[in-house]
Structures are given as structure tokens and as C-alpha cells.
Amino acid sequence: MTRAYFRNAVGAILVYDVTKRQSFENMKNRWISQLQEFGHQDMYIIIIGNKCDIDPGQHAVRQAEAAEFAGEQVSPPHHHITSLNPSL
């Protein structure tokens, strides 16, 4: 994605796949830093872990780890979602 898409942006939603560690690492090591560098200085960033409906034994990223990272980097912290089961 080109930096022009988020230059001076005031908000962003970053979604990663809780079953794929690389998805989380890319968000941590690439997208957050680029948003902070090129977005508005008071940018509002929301981090969302998707596919939380999948068996927790298959999660490559634990909710506690993601919440801890989010608490250090952004506000509000972290959310877990699923697009399959609206009751979660």
C-alpha cells in the first residue's frame, strides 16, 4: 500500500488474523510504524484480531499478547471479532 493512502489520516483500523502470526507481526512492525510516521500526529488507531471464533488452540496470537501490545501503542486497545458468529 502506498503511503499516500494514509498521509495525514486521522484514523485507521488495522485487522490481523489471530491464526496467522505473520499477520500480527506485519501489523506490529510495518503498519503501525508507517501510520505513526505518515499519519496525523493524533491519529486514532484501532487494532482488531479477526477469526476469534476459531478454536483457541489454533490461535497463533493470544488475546493477552495483542492487548498488551495495543495498550503500549494505541488507544483504545485491542478488540477481537469474528464475521461468522454474531453472538461472540
Protein backbone atom coordinates (compact mmCIF):
# COMPACT_ATOMS: atom_id res chain seq x y z
CA MET A 1 0.00 0.00 0.00
CA THR A 2 1.31 3.42 -0.85
CA ARG A 3 1.91 5.95 1.91
CA ALA A 4 -0.30 8.43 0.07
CA TYR A 5 -3.34 6.47 1.29
CA PHE A 6 -2.71 7.37 4.90
CA ARG A 7 -0.79 10.63 4.67
CA ASN A 8 -2.40 12.97 7.22
CA ALA A 9 -5.05 10.37 8.07
CA VAL A 10 -6.70 10.93 11.46
CA GLY A 11 -7.85 7.35 12.00
CA ALA A 12 -7.10 3.78 10.98
CA ILE A 13 -8.45 0.30 11.66
CA LEU A 14 -5.84 -2.45 11.46
CA VAL A 15 -7.15 -6.01 11.24
CA TYR A 16 -4.95 -9.08 11.65
CA ASP A 17 -5.71 -12.81 11.53
CA VAL A 18 -5.36 -14.37 15.01
CA THR A 19 -4.48 -17.72 13.39
CA LYS A 20 -1.54 -16.31 11.40
CA ARG A 21 1.40 -14.99 13.39
CA GLN A 22 2.86 -13.19 10.37
CA SER A 23 -0.32 -11.14 10.04
CA PHE A 24 0.17 -9.81 13.58
CA GLU A 25 3.91 -9.24 13.07
CA ASN A 26 3.26 -7.25 9.88
CA MET A 27 0.79 -5.09 11.74
CA LYS A 28 3.27 -4.52 14.58
CA ASN A 29 6.42 -3.99 12.55
CA ARG A 30 5.14 -2.34 9.40
CA TRP A 31 1.68 -0.83 9.51
CA ILE A 32 1.78 0.79 12.96
CA SER A 33 5.12 2.49 12.30
CA GLN A 34 4.06 3.74 8.88
CA LEU A 35 0.79 5.09 10.23
CA GLN A 36 2.59 6.83 13.06
CA GLU A 37 5.19 8.25 10.68
CA PHE A 38 2.89 9.46 7.91
CA GLY A 39 -0.50 9.85 9.57
CA HIS A 40 -1.74 12.76 11.63
CA GLN A 41 0.17 13.15 14.91
CA ASP A 42 -3.02 12.47 16.91
CA MET A 43 -4.14 9.56 14.73
CA TYR A 44 -6.71 7.25 16.31
CA ILE A 45 -5.71 3.61 15.65
CA ILE A 46 -7.90 0.61 16.42
CA ILE A 47 -6.38 -2.89 16.36
CA ILE A 48 -8.71 -5.81 15.65
CA GLY A 49 -7.92 -9.52 15.83
CA ASN A 50 -10.18 -11.39 13.40
CA LYS A 51 -11.30 -15.05 13.44
CA CYS A 52 -11.72 -15.28 17.21
CA ASP A 53 -14.43 -17.91 16.59
CA ILE A 54 -11.75 -20.46 15.65
CA ASP A 55 -10.65 -22.87 18.38
CA PRO A 56 -8.25 -21.01 20.70
CA GLY A 57 -5.78 -23.88 20.31
CA GLN A 58 -5.32 -22.75 16.70
CA HIS A 59 -4.64 -19.12 17.59
CA ALA A 60 -1.10 -18.05 16.75
CA VAL A 61 -1.61 -14.77 18.61
CA ARG A 62 -3.10 -14.81 22.09
CA GLN A 63 -5.54 -12.09 23.03
CA ALA A 64 -3.46 -11.08 26.07
CA GLU A 65 -0.37 -10.54 23.91
CA ALA A 66 -2.26 -8.43 21.40
CA ALA A 67 -3.96 -6.41 24.14
CA GLU A 68 -0.60 -5.76 25.82
CA PHE A 69 0.92 -4.57 22.53
CA ALA A 70 -2.10 -2.39 21.78
CA GLY A 71 -2.00 -0.85 25.22
CA GLU A 72 1.58 0.22 24.60
CA GLN A 73 0.94 1.60 21.11
CA VAL A 74 -2.61 2.84 20.61
CA SER A 75 -5.84 3.86 22.25
CA PRO A 76 -8.33 2.30 22.56
CA PRO A 77 -6.61 -1.01 22.97
CA HIS A 78 -7.42 -4.22 21.18
CA HIS A 79 -10.65 -5.92 20.08
CA HIS A 80 -11.35 -9.50 18.95
CA ILE A 81 -14.04 -10.12 16.34
CA THR A 82 -15.49 -12.75 14.06
CA SER A 83 -17.53 -12.41 10.93
CA LEU A 84 -19.09 -15.85 11.30
CA ASN A 85 -20.81 -15.93 14.69
CA PRO A 86 -22.65 -12.75 15.71
CA SER A 87 -23.06 -14.00 19.30
CA LEU A 88 -19.30 -13.65 20.04
